[in-house]
PDB file of N, CA and C in Angstrom:
ATOM      1  N   MET A   1     122.162  61.613  95.386  1.00  0.00           N
ATOM      2  CA  MET A   1     121.799  62.312  96.981  1.00  0.00           C
ATOM      3  C   MET A   1     122.317  61.157  98.170  1.00  0.00           C
ATOM      4  N   GLY A   2     122.351  62.005  99.400  1.00  0.00           N
ATOM      5  CA  GLY A   2     123.022  61.230 100.373  1.00  0.00           C
ATOM      6  C   GLY A   2     121.661  60.345 101.371  1.00  0.00           C
ATOM      7  N   VAL A   3     122.078  59.561 101.842  1.00  0.00           N
ATOM      8  CA  VAL A   3     121.478  58.723 102.991  1.00  0.00           C
ATOM      9  C   VAL A   3     121.595  58.768 104.028  1.00  0.00           C
ATOM     10  N   GLN A   4     120.914  58.746 104.854  1.00  0.00           N
ATOM     11  CA  GLN A   4     121.228  59.121 106.389  1.00  0.00           C
ATOM     12  C   GLN A   4     121.509  57.606 106.959  1.00  0.00           C
ATOM     13  N   LYS A   5     122.689  57.292 107.783  1.00  0.00           N
ATOM     14  CA  LYS A   5     123.162  56.278 108.247  1.00  0.00           C
ATOM     15  C   LYS A   5     122.358  56.004 109.698  1.00  0.00           C
ATOM     16  N   ARG A   6     121.735  56.724 110.563  1.00  0.00           N
ATOM     17  CA  ARG A   6     121.299  56.507 111.695  1.00  0.00           C
ATOM     18  C   ARG A   6     120.041  57.842 111.721  1.00  0.00           C
ATOM     19  N   ARG A   7     118.853  57.546 112.440  1.00  0.00           N
ATOM     20  CA  ARG A   7     118.048  58.086 112.561  1.00  0.00           C
ATOM     21  C   ARG A   7     117.931  59.449 113.192  1.00  0.00           C
ATOM     22  N   HIS A   8     117.730  60.359 113.249  1.00  0.00           N
ATOM     23  CA  HIS A   8     117.357  61.862 114.071  1.00  0.00           C
ATOM     24  C   HIS A   8     116.500  61.888 115.084  1.00  0.00           C
ATOM     25  N   SER A   9     116.918  61.782 116.340  1.00  0.00           N
ATOM     26  CA  SER A   9     116.008  61.987 117.135  1.00  0.00           C
ATOM     27  C   SER A   9     114.754  62.904 117.139  1.00  0.00           C
ATOM     28  N   LYS A  10     113.486  62.845 118.095  1.00  0.00           N
ATOM     29  CA  LYS A  10     112.849  63.598 117.615  1.00  0.00           C
ATOM     30  C   LYS A  10     113.048  64.974 118.540  1.00  0.00           C
ATOM     31  N   ALA A  11     113.961  65.152 119.373  1.00  0.00           N
ATOM     32  CA  ALA A  11     114.478  66.352 119.878  1.00  0.00           C
ATOM     33  C   ALA A  11     114.875  67.031 118.793  1.00  0.00           C
ATOM     34  N   ARG A  12     115.801  66.533 118.071  1.00  0.00           N
ATOM     35  CA  ARG A  12     116.761  67.151 117.168  1.00  0.00           C
ATOM     36  C   ARG A  12     116.014  67.619 116.179  1.00  0.00           C
ATOM     37  N   LYS A  13     114.886  67.196 115.856  1.00  0.00           N
ATOM     38  CA  LYS A  13     113.645  67.504 114.699  1.00  0.00           C
ATOM     39  C   LYS A  13     113.213  68.642 115.295  1.00  0.00           C
ATOM     40  N   ASN A  14     112.599  68.600 116.679  1.00  0.00           N
ATOM     41  CA  ASN A  14     111.909  69.693 117.116  1.00  0.00           C
ATOM     42  C   ASN A  14     112.793  70.887 117.261  1.00  0.00           C
ATOM     43  N   LYS A  15     113.995  70.760 117.694  1.00  0.00           N
ATOM     44  CA  LYS A  15     114.805  71.581 117.713  1.00  0.00           C
ATOM     45  C   LYS A  15     115.121  72.537 116.558  1.00  0.00           C
ATOM     46  N   ARG A  16     115.027  71.998 115.382  1.00  0.00           N
ATOM     47  CA  ARG A  16     115.122  72.607 114.007  1.00  0.00           C
ATOM     48  C   ARG A  16     113.867  73.260 113.932  1.00  0.00           C
ATOM     49  N   ARG A  17     112.891  72.847 114.210  1.00  0.00           N
ATOM     50  CA  ARG A  17     111.394  73.203 113.710  1.00  0.00           C
ATOM     51  C   ARG A  17     111.190  74.542 114.781  1.00  0.00           C
ATOM     52  N   SER A  18     111.453  74.653 115.848  1.00  0.00           N
ATOM     53  CA  SER A  18     111.475  75.723 116.561  1.00  0.00           C
ATOM     54  C   SER A  18     111.448  77.030 116.300  1.00  0.00           C
ATOM     55  N   ILE A  19     112.220  77.270 115.194  1.00  0.00           N
ATOM     56  CA  ILE A  19     112.323  78.603 115.149  1.00  0.00           C
ATOM     57  C   ILE A  19     111.145  79.348 114.159  1.00  0.00           C
ATOM     58  N   TRP A  20     109.981  78.209 113.918  1.00  0.00           N
ATOM     59  CA  TRP A  20     108.821  78.536 113.108  1.00  0.00           C
ATOM     60  C   TRP A  20     107.890  79.123 113.938  1.00  0.00           C
ATOM     61  N   ALA A  21     107.871  79.093 115.353  1.00  0.00           N
ATOM     62  CA  ALA A  21     107.123  79.628 116.584  1.00  0.00           C
ATOM     63  C   ALA A  21     107.424  80.836 116.642  1.00  0.00           C
ATOM     64  N   GLN A  22     108.823  81.285 116.383  1.00  0.00           N
ATOM     65  CA  GLN A  22     109.220  82.644 116.478  1.00  0.00           C
ATOM     66  C   GLN A  22     108.667  83.869 115.318  1.00  0.00           C
ATOM     67  N   LEU A  23     108.298  83.004 114.234  1.00  0.00           N
ATOM     68  CA  LEU A  23     108.252  84.120 113.217  1.00  0.00           C
ATOM     69  C   LEU A  23     106.429  84.715 113.289  1.00  0.00           C
ATOM     70  N   VAL A  24     105.616  84.476 114.475  1.00  0.00           N
ATOM     71  CA  VAL A  24     104.555  84.949 114.557  1.00  0.00           C
ATOM     72  C   VAL A  24     104.222  86.501 114.747  1.00  0.00           C
ATOM     73  N   ALA A  25     103.502  87.143 114.342  1.00  0.00           N
ATOM     74  CA  ALA A  25     103.592  88.757 114.609  1.00  0.00           C
ATOM     75  C   ALA A  25     102.922  88.646 116.084  1.00  0.00           C
ATOM     76  N   PRO A  26     103.439  89.981 116.644  1.00  0.00           N
ATOM     77  CA  PRO A  26     102.947  89.681 118.145  1.00  0.00           C
ATOM     78  C   PRO A  26     101.699  90.077 118.572  1.00  0.00           C
ATOM     79  N   ASN A  27     100.849  89.807 119.312  1.00  0.00           N
ATOM     80  CA  ASN A  27      99.495  90.133 119.636  1.00  0.00           C
ATOM     81  C   ASN A  27      99.506  91.677 120.162  1.00  0.00           C
ATOM     82  N   LEU A  28      98.490  92.525 119.859  1.00  0.00           N
ATOM     83  CA  LEU A  28      98.407  93.586 120.496  1.00  0.00           C
ATOM     84  C   LEU A  28      96.990  94.058 121.271  1.00  0.00           C
ATOM     85  N   SER A  29      97.198  94.563 122.487  1.00  0.00           N
ATOM     86  CA  SER A  29      95.744  95.151 122.965  1.00  0.00           C
ATOM     87  C   SER A  29      95.913  96.279 123.117  1.00  0.00           C
ATOM     88  N   GLU A  30      94.403  97.086 123.251  1.00  0.00           N
ATOM     89  CA  GLU A  30      94.266  98.496 123.144  1.00  0.00           C
ATOM     90  C   GLU A  30      94.273  98.638 124.752  1.00  0.00           C
ATOM     91  N   CYS A  31      95.404 100.120 125.008  1.00  0.00           N
ATOM     92  CA  CYS A  31      94.988 100.630 126.500  1.00  0.00           C
ATOM     93  C   CYS A  31      94.014 101.461 126.705  1.00  0.00           C
ATOM     94  N   PRO A  32      93.505 100.976 127.960  1.00  0.00           N
ATOM     95  CA  PRO A  32      92.042 101.819 128.141  1.00  0.00           C
ATOM     96  C   PRO A  32      92.385 103.242 128.486  1.00  0.00           C
ATOM     97  N   GLN A  33      93.565 103.628 128.812  1.00  0.00           N
ATOM     98  CA  GLN A  33      93.693 104.903 128.738  1.00  0.00           C
ATOM     99  C   GLN A  33      94.026 105.638 127.953  1.00  0.00           C
ATOM    100  N   CYS A  34      94.500 105.431 127.077  1.00  0.00           N
ATOM    101  CA  CYS A  34      95.097 106.222 126.010  1.00  0.00           C
ATOM    102  C   CYS A  34      94.588 105.798 124.709  1.00  0.00           C
ATOM    103  N   HIS A  35      94.186 104.271 124.714  1.00  0.00           N
ATOM    104  CA  HIS A  35      93.716 103.587 123.521  1.00  0.00           C
ATOM    105  C   HIS A  35      94.991 103.423 122.578  1.00  0.00           C
ATOM    106  N   GLU A  36      95.892 103.478 122.776  1.00  0.00           N
ATOM    107  CA  GLU A  36      97.168 102.904 121.786  1.00  0.00           C
ATOM    108  C   GLU A  36      97.451 101.924 122.240  1.00  0.00           C
ATOM    109  N   LEU A  37      98.175 101.211 120.681  1.00  0.00           N
ATOM    110  CA  LEU A  37      98.409  99.739 120.988  1.00  0.00           C
ATOM    111  C   LEU A  37      99.392  99.346 121.791  1.00  0.00           C
ATOM    112  N   LYS A  38      99.649  98.431 121.940  1.00  0.00           N
ATOM    113  CA  LYS A  38     100.440  97.578 123.296  1.00  0.00           C
ATOM    114  C   LYS A  38     100.550  96.170 123.570  1.00  0.00           C
ATOM    115  N   LYS A  39     101.438  95.892 123.841  1.00  0.00           N
ATOM    116  CA  LYS A  39     101.915  94.251 124.224  1.00  0.00           C
ATOM    117  C   LYS A  39     100.895  94.170 125.464  1.00  0.00           C
ATOM    118  N   PRO A  40     100.294  92.962 125.573  1.00  0.00           N
ATOM    119  CA  PRO A  40      99.131  92.742 126.713  1.00  0.00           C
ATOM    120  C   PRO A  40     100.400  92.383 127.829  1.00  0.00           C
ATOM    121  N   HIS A  41      99.963  92.492 128.769  1.00  0.00           N
ATOM    122  CA  HIS A  41     100.291  92.466 130.415  1.00  0.00           C
ATOM    123  C   HIS A  41     101.829  93.205 130.717  1.00  0.00           C
ATOM    124  N   ARG A  42     101.774  94.448 129.987  1.00  0.00           N
ATOM    125  CA  ARG A  42     102.782  95.146 129.691  1.00  0.00           C
ATOM    126  C   ARG A  42     102.367  96.503 130.147  1.00  0.00           C
ATOM    127  N   ALA A  43     103.422  97.263 130.934  1.00  0.00           N
ATOM    128  CA  ALA A  43     102.995  98.679 130.877  1.00  0.00           C
ATOM    129  C   ALA A  43     102.608  99.622 129.633  1.00  0.00           C
ATOM    130  N   CYS A  44     101.951 100.637 129.328  1.00  0.00           N
ATOM    131  CA  CYS A  44     101.961 101.180 128.052  1.00  0.00           C
ATOM    132  C   CYS A  44     102.604 102.165 127.734  1.00  0.00           C
ATOM    133  N   PRO A  45     103.489 101.877 126.586  1.00  0.00           N
ATOM    134  CA  PRO A  45     104.858 102.964 126.371  1.00  0.00           C
ATOM    135  C   PRO A  45     104.127 104.445 126.379  1.00  0.00           C
ATOM    136  N   SER A  46     103.073 104.542 125.896  1.00  0.00           N
ATOM    137  CA  SER A  46     102.968 105.922 125.648  1.00  0.00           C
ATOM    138  C   SER A  46     102.198 106.789 126.448  1.00  0.00           C
ATOM    139  N   CYS A  47     101.604 106.060 127.477  1.00  0.00           N
ATOM    140  CA  CYS A  47     100.885 106.636 128.838  1.00  0.00           C
ATOM    141  C   CYS A  47     101.829 106.402 130.209  1.00  0.00           C
ATOM    142  N   GLY A  48     102.148 105.003 130.308  1.00  0.00           N
ATOM    143  CA  GLY A  48     102.844 104.241 131.441  1.00  0.00           C
ATOM    144  C   GLY A  48     101.683 104.013 132.426  1.00  0.00           C
ATOM    145  N   TYR A  49     100.573 103.407 132.063  1.00  0.00           N
ATOM    146  CA  TYR A  49      99.586 102.856 133.111  1.00  0.00           C
ATOM    147  C   TYR A  49      99.547 101.558 132.647  1.00  0.00           C
ATOM    148  N   TYR A  50      99.505 100.808 133.863  1.00  0.00           N
ATOM    149  CA  TYR A  50      99.338  99.188 133.779  1.00  0.00           C
ATOM    150  C   TYR A  50      98.203  98.986 134.720  1.00  0.00           C
ATOM    151  N   ASN A  51      97.499  98.588 134.523  1.00  0.00           N
ATOM    152  CA  ASN A  51      95.940  98.111 135.523  1.00  0.00           C
ATOM    153  C   ASN A  51      94.994  98.974 135.882  1.00  0.00           C
ATOM    154  N   GLY A  52      95.112 100.137 135.474  1.00  0.00           N
ATOM    155  CA  GLY A  52      94.498 101.230 135.757  1.00  0.00           C
ATOM    156  C   GLY A  52      95.247 102.143 136.944  1.00  0.00           C
ATOM    157  N   LYS A  53      96.799 101.885 136.804  1.00  0.00           N
ATOM    158  CA  LYS A  53      97.865 102.899 137.797  1.00  0.00           C
ATOM    159  C   LYS A  53      98.743 103.416 137.064  1.00  0.00           C
ATOM    160  N   LYS A  54      99.157 104.515 137.300  1.00  0.00           N
ATOM    161  CA  LYS A  54     100.446 104.809 136.723  1.00  0.00           C
ATOM    162  C   LYS A  54     101.618 104.235 137.328  1.00  0.00           C
ATOM    163  N   VAL A  55     102.539 103.562 136.413  1.00  0.00           N
ATOM    164  CA  VAL A  55     103.424 103.098 136.967  1.00  0.00           C
ATOM    165  C   VAL A  55     104.643 103.201 136.179  1.00  0.00           C
ATOM    166  N   VAL A  56     104.803 103.986 135.473  1.00  0.00           N
ATOM    167  CA  VAL A  56     106.259 104.188 134.934  1.00  0.00           C
ATOM    168  C   VAL A  56     105.933 105.812 134.280  1.00  0.00           C
ATOM    169  N   THR A  57     106.641 106.606 134.653  1.00  0.00           N
ATOM    170  CA  THR A  57     106.657 108.350 133.911  1.00  0.00           C
ATOM    171  C   THR A  57     107.304 108.162 132.662  1.00  0.00           C
ATOM    172  N   VAL A  58     106.443 108.718 131.820  1.00  0.00           N
ATOM    173  CA  VAL A  58     106.964 108.623 130.252  1.00  0.00           C
ATOM    174  C   VAL A  58     107.301 110.155 130.281  1.00  0.00           C
ATOM    175  N   GLU A  59     108.400 110.085 129.452  1.00  0.00           N
ATOM    176  CA  GLU A  59     108.766 111.866 129.135  1.00  0.00           C
ATOM    177  C   GLU A  59     108.747 111.834 127.558  1.00  0.00           C
ATOM    178  N   THR A  60     108.642 112.950 127.138  1.00  0.00           N
ATOM    179  CA  THR A  60     107.643 113.416 126.033  1.00  0.00           C
ATOM    180  C   THR A  60     108.923 113.852 125.208  1.00  0.00           C
ATOM    181  N   ALA A  61     109.127 113.740 123.928  1.00  0.00           N
ATOM    182  CA  ALA A  61     110.294 113.878 123.044  1.00  0.00           C
ATOM    183  C   ALA A  61     110.090 115.355 122.592  1.00  0.00           C
ATOM    184  N   LYS A  62     111.353 116.019 122.795  1.00  0.00           N
ATOM    185  CA  LYS A  62     111.508 117.614 122.583  1.00  0.00           C
ATOM    186  C   LYS A  62     111.610 117.964 121.301  1.00  0.00           C
ATOM    187  N   LYS A  63     110.940 118.724 120.183  1.00  0.00           N
ATOM    188  CA  LYS A  63     111.496 118.853 119.133  1.00  0.00           C
ATOM    189  C   LYS A  63     111.940 120.346 118.678  1.00  0.00           C
TER     190      LYS A  63
END
């Protein structure tokens, strides 16, 4: 087994470990208008409301 000649810096160690922060499931909150799950601080993808106001027009899928 190889032995390191020089010490790895704290920044290099932390860069290697930074991927673990991305492996967490996203938090979801309930939309007060349509009660669907959505990401916090974003407009609801199903109804288009944010902070009690309609901000996005949502097209329904036609079958």
